[in-house]
Amino acid sequence: MRKYKSGGQLESVICNCCGKKMVVKDGVLREGVISVHHAWDFFSEKDGEVHHWDMCEECYDNLLGQFRVEPDVEEQVEFV
């Protein structure tokens, strides 16, 4: 869950899973976080809803441990 200051600068990020408050300094997130922004479509029970949430790296690793099929992972060679 993200909160922004009135000027649009990032103020805080909280893991929606465990509630951990992430480190944000000068509007820059300083920890690994996965952010999900998903618009549900016609064939779901959530049609028309858009869900936004953030998860810390530890909770993400725990979630991956529950997957029956591992996600594809590739190495990023250029950082922007």
PDB file of N, CA and C in Angstrom:
ATOM      1  N   MET A   1       0.847  -1.153   0.000  1.00  0.00           N
ATOM      2  CA  MET A   1       0.000   0.000   0.000  1.00  0.00           C
ATOM      3  C   MET A   1       0.904   1.231   0.000  1.00  0.00           C
ATOM      4  N   ARG A   2       0.653   2.112  -0.939  1.00  0.00           N
ATOM      5  CA  ARG A   2       1.471   3.309  -1.083  1.00  0.00           C
ATOM      6  C   ARG A   2       0.696   4.553  -0.703  1.00  0.00           C
ATOM      7  N   LYS A   3       1.409   5.472  -0.081  1.00  0.00           N
ATOM      8  CA  LYS A   3       0.841   6.782   0.223  1.00  0.00           C
ATOM      9  C   LYS A   3       1.775   7.831  -0.353  1.00  0.00           C
ATOM     10  N   TYR A   4       1.158   8.883  -0.902  1.00  0.00           N
ATOM     11  CA  TYR A   4       1.913   9.951  -1.539  1.00  0.00           C
ATOM     12  C   TYR A   4       1.622  11.274  -0.859  1.00  0.00           C
ATOM     13  N   LYS A   5       2.609  12.156  -0.861  1.00  0.00           N
ATOM     14  CA  LYS A   5       2.417  13.515  -0.358  1.00  0.00           C
ATOM     15  C   LYS A   5       1.581  14.290  -1.370  1.00  0.00           C
ATOM     16  N   SER A   6       1.119  15.471  -0.991  1.00  0.00           N
ATOM     17  CA  SER A   6       0.247  16.254  -1.862  1.00  0.00           C
ATOM     18  C   SER A   6       0.899  16.587  -3.203  1.00  0.00           C
ATOM     19  N   GLY A   7       2.214  16.674  -3.272  1.00  0.00           N
ATOM     20  CA  GLY A   7       2.912  16.958  -4.521  1.00  0.00           C
ATOM     21  C   GLY A   7       3.173  15.736  -5.371  1.00  0.00           C
ATOM     22  N   GLY A   8       2.712  14.570  -4.932  1.00  0.00           N
ATOM     23  CA  GLY A   8       2.904  13.350  -5.704  1.00  0.00           C
ATOM     24  C   GLY A   8       4.141  12.569  -5.321  1.00  0.00           C
ATOM     25  N   GLN A   9       4.920  13.059  -4.347  1.00  0.00           N
ATOM     26  CA  GLN A   9       6.132  12.359  -3.924  1.00  0.00           C
ATOM     27  C   GLN A   9       5.759  11.182  -3.022  1.00  0.00           C
ATOM     28  N   LEU A  10       6.413  10.058  -3.244  1.00  0.00           N
ATOM     29  CA  LEU A  10       6.170   8.859  -2.440  1.00  0.00           C
ATOM     30  C   LEU A  10       6.486   9.155  -0.981  1.00  0.00           C
ATOM     31  N   GLU A  11       5.536   8.845  -0.099  1.00  0.00           N
ATOM     32  CA  GLU A  11       5.714   9.100   1.332  1.00  0.00           C
ATOM     33  C   GLU A  11       5.984   7.808   2.102  1.00  0.00           C
ATOM     34  N   SER A  12       5.199   6.743   1.803  1.00  0.00           N
ATOM     35  CA  SER A  12       5.389   5.487   2.514  1.00  0.00           C
ATOM     36  C   SER A  12       4.887   4.313   1.682  1.00  0.00           C
ATOM     37  N   VAL A  13       5.461   3.139   1.977  1.00  0.00           N
ATOM     38  CA  VAL A  13       5.032   1.891   1.359  1.00  0.00           C
ATOM     39  C   VAL A  13       4.934   0.864   2.473  1.00  0.00           C
ATOM     40  N   ILE A  14       3.797   0.193   2.562  1.00  0.00           N
ATOM     41  CA  ILE A  14       3.571  -0.818   3.582  1.00  0.00           C
ATOM     42  C   ILE A  14       3.216  -2.129   2.893  1.00  0.00           C
ATOM     43  N   CYS A  15       3.850  -3.223   3.325  1.00  0.00           N
ATOM     44  CA  CYS A  15       3.556  -4.539   2.772  1.00  0.00           C
ATOM     45  C   CYS A  15       2.124  -4.912   3.140  1.00  0.00           C
ATOM     46  N   ASN A  16       1.300  -5.181   2.144  1.00  0.00           N
ATOM     47  CA  ASN A  16      -0.083  -5.559   2.389  1.00  0.00           C
ATOM     48  C   ASN A  16      -0.197  -6.933   3.049  1.00  0.00           C
ATOM     49  N   CYS A  17       0.848  -7.743   2.989  1.00  0.00           N
ATOM     50  CA  CYS A  17       0.797  -9.085   3.557  1.00  0.00           C
ATOM     51  C   CYS A  17       1.148  -9.082   5.049  1.00  0.00           C
ATOM     52  N   CYS A  18       2.304  -8.540   5.424  1.00  0.00           N
ATOM     53  CA  CYS A  18       2.759  -8.607   6.822  1.00  0.00           C
ATOM     54  C   CYS A  18       2.668  -7.272   7.557  1.00  0.00           C
ATOM     55  N   GLY A  19       2.446  -6.173   6.828  1.00  0.00           N
ATOM     56  CA  GLY A  19       2.332  -4.866   7.460  1.00  0.00           C
ATOM     57  C   GLY A  19       3.648  -4.143   7.681  1.00  0.00           C
ATOM     58  N   LYS A  20       4.746  -4.712   7.191  1.00  0.00           N
ATOM     59  CA  LYS A  20       6.053  -4.080   7.368  1.00  0.00           C
ATOM     60  C   LYS A  20       6.086  -2.732   6.651  1.00  0.00           C
ATOM     61  N   LYS A  21       6.593  -1.710   7.328  1.00  0.00           N
ATOM     62  CA  LYS A  21       6.773  -0.401   6.713  1.00  0.00           C
ATOM     63  C   LYS A  21       8.138  -0.380   6.044  1.00  0.00           C
ATOM     64  N   MET A  22       8.142  -0.120   4.752  1.00  0.00           N
ATOM     65  CA  MET A  22       9.378  -0.135   3.974  1.00  0.00           C
ATOM     66  C   MET A  22      10.121   1.187   4.131  1.00  0.00           C
ATOM     67  N   VAL A  23      11.414   1.160   3.841  1.00  0.00           N
ATOM     68  CA  VAL A  23      12.241   2.357   3.940  1.00  0.00           C
ATOM     69  C   VAL A  23      12.034   3.211   2.689  1.00  0.00           C
ATOM     70  N   VAL A  24      11.569   4.441   2.910  1.00  0.00           N
ATOM     71  CA  VAL A  24      11.421   5.429   1.844  1.00  0.00           C
ATOM     72  C   VAL A  24      12.197   6.656   2.279  1.00  0.00           C
ATOM     73  N   LYS A  25      13.149   7.092   1.450  1.00  0.00           N
ATOM     74  CA  LYS A  25      13.961   8.265   1.776  1.00  0.00           C
ATOM     75  C   LYS A  25      13.898   9.242   0.611  1.00  0.00           C
ATOM     76  N   ASP A  26      13.502  10.453   0.904  1.00  0.00           N
ATOM     77  CA  ASP A  26      13.393  11.509  -0.107  1.00  0.00           C
ATOM     78  C   ASP A  26      12.531  11.066  -1.294  1.00  0.00           C
ATOM     79  N   GLY A  27      11.466  10.346  -1.013  1.00  0.00           N
ATOM     80  CA  GLY A  27      10.542   9.915  -2.055  1.00  0.00           C
ATOM     81  C   GLY A  27      10.992   8.708  -2.845  1.00  0.00           C
ATOM     82  N   VAL A  28      12.107   8.069  -2.422  1.00  0.00           N
ATOM     83  CA  VAL A  28      12.652   6.914  -3.142  1.00  0.00           C
ATOM     84  C   VAL A  28      12.554   5.674  -2.257  1.00  0.00           C
ATOM     85  N   LEU A  29      11.936   4.629  -2.769  1.00  0.00           N
ATOM     86  CA  LEU A  29      11.828   3.354  -2.065  1.00  0.00           C
ATOM     87  C   LEU A  29      13.201   2.707  -2.013  1.00  0.00           C
ATOM     88  N   ARG A  30      13.661   2.331  -0.812  1.00  0.00           N
ATOM     89  CA  ARG A  30      15.014   1.807  -0.619  1.00  0.00           C
ATOM     90  C   ARG A  30      15.049   0.320  -0.297  1.00  0.00           C
ATOM     91  N   GLU A  31      13.975  -0.406  -0.578  1.00  0.00           N
ATOM     92  CA  GLU A  31      13.926  -1.846  -0.328  1.00  0.00           C
ATOM     93  C   GLU A  31      13.254  -2.535  -1.508  1.00  0.00           C
ATOM     94  N   GLY A  32      13.491  -3.845  -1.607  1.00  0.00           N
ATOM     95  CA  GLY A  32      12.860  -4.627  -2.660  1.00  0.00           C
ATOM     96  C   GLY A  32      11.387  -4.847  -2.363  1.00  0.00           C
ATOM     97  N   VAL A  33      10.530  -4.482  -3.296  1.00  0.00           N
ATOM     98  CA  VAL A  33       9.085  -4.614  -3.142  1.00  0.00           C
ATOM     99  C   VAL A  33       8.497  -5.028  -4.487  1.00  0.00           C
ATOM    100  N   ILE A  34       7.501  -5.911  -4.455  1.00  0.00           N
ATOM    101  CA  ILE A  34       6.751  -6.196  -5.675  1.00  0.00           C
ATOM    102  C   ILE A  34       5.447  -5.419  -5.579  1.00  0.00           C
ATOM    103  N   SER A  35       5.129  -4.707  -6.641  1.00  0.00           N
ATOM    104  CA  SER A  35       3.897  -3.918  -6.696  1.00  0.00           C
ATOM    105  C   SER A  35       2.975  -4.515  -7.745  1.00  0.00           C
ATOM    106  N   VAL A  36       1.736  -4.740  -7.364  1.00  0.00           N
ATOM    107  CA  VAL A  36       0.752  -5.320  -8.268  1.00  0.00           C
ATOM    108  C   VAL A  36      -0.346  -4.303  -8.515  1.00  0.00           C
ATOM    109  N   HIS A  37      -0.636  -4.081  -9.784  1.00  0.00           N
ATOM    110  CA  HIS A  37      -1.737  -3.223 -10.218  1.00  0.00           C
ATOM    111  C   HIS A  37      -2.470  -4.038 -11.283  1.00  0.00           C
ATOM    112  N   HIS A  38      -3.622  -4.573 -10.908  1.00  0.00           N
ATOM    113  CA  HIS A  38      -4.306  -5.496 -11.817  1.00  0.00           C
ATOM    114  C   HIS A  38      -5.755  -5.082 -12.026  1.00  0.00           C
ATOM    115  N   ALA A  39      -6.124  -4.923 -13.284  1.00  0.00           N
ATOM    116  CA  ALA A  39      -7.517  -4.642 -13.647  1.00  0.00           C
ATOM    117  C   ALA A  39      -8.181  -5.970 -14.014  1.00  0.00           C
ATOM    118  N   TRP A  40      -9.158  -6.379 -13.222  1.00  0.00           N
ATOM    119  CA  TRP A  40      -9.886  -7.610 -13.488  1.00  0.00           C
ATOM    120  C   TRP A  40     -10.803  -7.410 -14.683  1.00  0.00           C
ATOM    121  N   ASP A  41     -11.031  -8.484 -15.430  1.00  0.00           N
ATOM    122  CA  ASP A  41     -11.822  -8.350 -16.659  1.00  0.00           C
ATOM    123  C   ASP A  41     -13.090  -9.190 -16.627  1.00  0.00           C
ATOM    124  N   PHE A  42     -13.692  -9.344 -17.781  1.00  0.00           N
ATOM    125  CA  PHE A  42     -15.026  -9.916 -17.938  1.00  0.00           C
ATOM    126  C   PHE A  42     -15.264 -11.258 -17.260  1.00  0.00           C
ATOM    127  N   PHE A  43     -14.318 -12.154 -17.302  1.00  0.00           N
ATOM    128  CA  PHE A  43     -14.574 -13.519 -16.882  1.00  0.00           C
ATOM    129  C   PHE A  43     -14.191 -13.787 -15.432  1.00  0.00           C
ATOM    130  N   SER A  44     -14.100 -12.746 -14.625  1.00  0.00           N
ATOM    131  CA  SER A  44     -13.793 -12.920 -13.211  1.00  0.00           C
ATOM    132  C   SER A  44     -14.960 -12.418 -12.366  1.00  0.00           C
ATOM    133  N   GLU A  45     -14.954 -12.787 -11.109  1.00  0.00           N
ATOM    134  CA  GLU A  45     -15.965 -12.298 -10.170  1.00  0.00           C
ATOM    135  C   GLU A  45     -15.670 -10.853  -9.752  1.00  0.00           C
ATOM    136  N   LYS A  46     -14.532 -10.327 -10.164  1.00  0.00           N
ATOM    137  CA  LYS A  46     -14.114  -8.974  -9.795  1.00  0.00           C
ATOM    138  C   LYS A  46     -14.127  -8.023 -10.997  1.00  0.00           C
ATOM    139  N   ASP A  47     -14.909  -8.364 -12.001  1.00  0.00           N
ATOM    140  CA  ASP A  47     -14.981  -7.566 -13.232  1.00  0.00           C
ATOM    141  C   ASP A  47     -15.186  -6.083 -12.900  1.00  0.00           C
ATOM    142  N   GLY A  48     -14.331  -5.249 -13.462  1.00  0.00           N
ATOM    143  CA  GLY A  48     -14.433  -3.811 -13.259  1.00  0.00           C
ATOM    144  C   GLY A  48     -13.646  -3.290 -12.071  1.00  0.00           C
ATOM    145  N   GLU A  49     -13.072  -4.177 -11.265  1.00  0.00           N
ATOM    146  CA  GLU A  49     -12.267  -3.749 -10.127  1.00  0.00           C
ATOM    147  C   GLU A  49     -10.804  -3.675 -10.514  1.00  0.00           C
ATOM    148  N   VAL A  50     -10.093  -2.718  -9.937  1.00  0.00           N
ATOM    149  CA  VAL A  50      -8.643  -2.611 -10.105  1.00  0.00           C
ATOM    150  C   VAL A  50      -8.031  -2.748  -8.713  1.00  0.00           C
ATOM    151  N   HIS A  51      -7.152  -3.718  -8.557  1.00  0.00           N
ATOM    152  CA  HIS A  51      -6.508  -3.969  -7.269  1.00  0.00           C
ATOM    153  C   HIS A  51      -5.066  -3.468  -7.317  1.00  0.00           C
ATOM    154  N   HIS A  52      -4.657  -2.781  -6.253  1.00  0.00           N
ATOM    155  CA  HIS A  52      -3.284  -2.276  -6.104  1.00  0.00           C
ATOM    156  C   HIS A  52      -2.763  -2.785  -4.762  1.00  0.00           C
ATOM    157  N   TRP A  53      -1.591  -3.396  -4.771  1.00  0.00           N
ATOM    158  CA  TRP A  53      -0.981  -3.798  -3.511  1.00  0.00           C
ATOM    159  C   TRP A  53       0.518  -3.978  -3.656  1.00  0.00           C
ATOM    160  N   ASP A  54       1.191  -3.943  -2.508  1.00  0.00           N
ATOM    161  CA  ASP A  54       2.648  -4.079  -2.452  1.00  0.00           C
ATOM    162  C   ASP A  54       3.009  -5.197  -1.483  1.00  0.00           C
ATOM    163  N   MET A  55       4.093  -5.900  -1.783  1.00  0.00           N
ATOM    164  CA  MET A  55       4.534  -7.002  -0.941  1.00  0.00           C
ATOM    165  C   MET A  55       6.046  -6.932  -0.770  1.00  0.00           C
ATOM    166  N   CYS A  56       6.510  -7.057   0.473  1.00  0.00           N
ATOM    167  CA  CYS A  56       7.954  -7.033   0.732  1.00  0.00           C
ATOM    168  C   CYS A  56       8.607  -8.288   0.151  1.00  0.00           C
ATOM    169  N   GLU A  57       9.912  -8.253   0.042  1.00  0.00           N
ATOM    170  CA  GLU A  57      10.633  -9.364  -0.576  1.00  0.00           C
ATOM    171  C   GLU A  57      10.493 -10.655   0.231  1.00  0.00           C
ATOM    172  N   GLU A  58      10.477 -10.562   1.553  1.00  0.00           N
ATOM    173  CA  GLU A  58      10.345 -11.755   2.387  1.00  0.00           C
ATOM    174  C   GLU A  58       8.985 -12.434   2.175  1.00  0.00           C
ATOM    175  N   CYS A  59       7.917 -11.641   2.142  1.00  0.00           N
ATOM    176  CA  CYS A  59       6.584 -12.216   1.897  1.00  0.00           C
ATOM    177  C   CYS A  59       6.495 -12.791   0.489  1.00  0.00           C
ATOM    178  N   TYR A  60       7.129 -12.137  -0.476  1.00  0.00           N
ATOM    179  CA  TYR A  60       7.138 -12.645  -1.847  1.00  0.00           C
ATOM    180  C   TYR A  60       7.826 -14.011  -1.900  1.00  0.00           C
ATOM    181  N   ASP A  61       8.975 -14.132  -1.225  1.00  0.00           N
ATOM    182  CA  ASP A  61       9.683 -15.413  -1.202  1.00  0.00           C
ATOM    183  C   ASP A  61       8.826 -16.497  -0.552  1.00  0.00           C
ATOM    184  N   ASN A  62       8.115 -16.147   0.522  1.00  0.00           N
ATOM    185  CA  ASN A  62       7.222 -17.117   1.171  1.00  0.00           C
ATOM    186  C   ASN A  62       6.091 -17.531   0.240  1.00  0.00           C
ATOM    187  N   LEU A  63       5.532 -16.578  -0.497  1.00  0.00           N
ATOM    188  CA  LEU A  63       4.471 -16.875  -1.453  1.00  0.00           C
ATOM    189  C   LEU A  63       4.977 -17.806  -2.553  1.00  0.00           C
ATOM    190  N   LEU A  64       6.164 -17.524  -3.076  1.00  0.00           N
ATOM    191  CA  LEU A  64       6.724 -18.373  -4.135  1.00  0.00           C
ATOM    192  C   LEU A  64       6.913 -19.810  -3.655  1.00  0.00           C
ATOM    193  N   GLY A  65       7.208 -19.972  -2.374  1.00  0.00           N
ATOM    194  CA  GLY A  65       7.384 -21.302  -1.807  1.00  0.00           C
ATOM    195  C   GLY A  65       6.111 -22.137  -1.862  1.00  0.00           C
ATOM    196  N   GLN A  66       4.966 -21.485  -2.052  1.00  0.00           N
ATOM    197  CA  GLN A  66       3.686 -22.182  -2.128  1.00  0.00           C
ATOM    198  C   GLN A  66       3.281 -22.515  -3.570  1.00  0.00           C
ATOM    199  N   PHE A  67       3.995 -21.973  -4.547  1.00  0.00           N
ATOM    200  CA  PHE A  67       3.664 -22.221  -5.954  1.00  0.00           C
ATOM    201  C   PHE A  67       3.951 -23.672  -6.317  1.00  0.00           C
ATOM    202  N   ARG A  68       3.069 -24.271  -7.105  1.00  0.00           N
ATOM    203  CA  ARG A  68       3.316 -25.608  -7.638  1.00  0.00           C
ATOM    204  C   ARG A  68       4.178 -25.540  -8.897  1.00  0.00           C
ATOM    205  N   VAL A  69       4.091 -24.435  -9.615  1.00  0.00           N
ATOM    206  CA  VAL A  69       4.895 -24.210 -10.810  1.00  0.00           C
ATOM    207  C   VAL A  69       5.689 -22.931 -10.578  1.00  0.00           C
ATOM    208  N   GLU A  70       6.998 -23.049 -10.633  1.00  0.00           N
ATOM    209  CA  GLU A  70       7.849 -21.886 -10.378  1.00  0.00           C
ATOM    210  C   GLU A  70       7.705 -20.856 -11.497  1.00  0.00           C
ATOM    211  N   PRO A  71       7.823 -19.578 -11.154  1.00  0.00           N
ATOM    212  CA  PRO A  71       7.757 -18.556 -12.197  1.00  0.00           C
ATOM    213  C   PRO A  71       9.024 -18.567 -13.045  1.00  0.00           C
ATOM    214  N   ASP A  72       8.909 -18.056 -14.256  1.00  0.00           N
ATOM    215  CA  ASP A  72      10.093 -17.881 -15.088  1.00  0.00           C
ATOM    216  C   ASP A  72      10.885 -16.712 -14.520  1.00  0.00           C
ATOM    217  N   VAL A  73      12.187 -16.883 -14.392  1.00  0.00           N
ATOM    218  CA  VAL A  73      13.063 -15.835 -13.876  1.00  0.00           C
ATOM    219  C   VAL A  73      14.173 -15.622 -14.885  1.00  0.00           C
ATOM    220  N   GLU A  74      14.394 -14.388 -15.254  1.00  0.00           N
ATOM    221  CA  GLU A  74      15.499 -14.070 -16.161  1.00  0.00           C
ATOM    222  C   GLU A  74      16.332 -12.971 -15.529  1.00  0.00           C
ATOM    223  N   GLU A  75      17.588 -12.925 -15.889  1.00  0.00           N
ATOM    224  CA  GLU A  75      18.492 -11.915 -15.338  1.00  0.00           C
ATOM    225  C   GLU A  75      18.394 -10.639 -16.158  1.00  0.00           C
ATOM    226  N   GLN A  76      18.268  -9.538 -15.454  1.00  0.00           N
ATOM    227  CA  GLN A  76      18.244  -8.225 -16.113  1.00  0.00           C
ATOM    228  C   GLN A  76      19.686  -7.796 -16.297  1.00  0.00           C
ATOM    229  N   VAL A  77      20.075  -7.496 -17.531  1.00  0.00           N
ATOM    230  CA  VAL A  77      21.473  -7.167 -17.794  1.00  0.00           C
ATOM    231  C   VAL A  77      21.734  -5.666 -17.844  1.00  0.00           C
ATOM    232  N   GLU A  78      20.691  -4.877 -18.034  1.00  0.00           N
ATOM    233  CA  GLU A  78      20.852  -3.431 -18.039  1.00  0.00           C
ATOM    234  C   GLU A  78      19.899  -2.817 -17.019  1.00  0.00           C
ATOM    235  N   PHE A  79      20.415  -1.934 -16.216  1.00  0.00           N
ATOM    236  CA  PHE A  79      19.607  -1.250 -15.227  1.00  0.00           C
ATOM    237  C   PHE A  79      19.391   0.178 -15.660  1.00  0.00           C
ATOM    238  N   VAL A  80      18.147   0.608 -15.613  1.00  0.00           N
ATOM    239  CA  VAL A  80      17.831   1.956 -16.063  1.00  0.00           C
ATOM    240  C   VAL A  80      17.860   2.895 -14.889  1.00  0.00           C
TER     241      VAL A  80
END
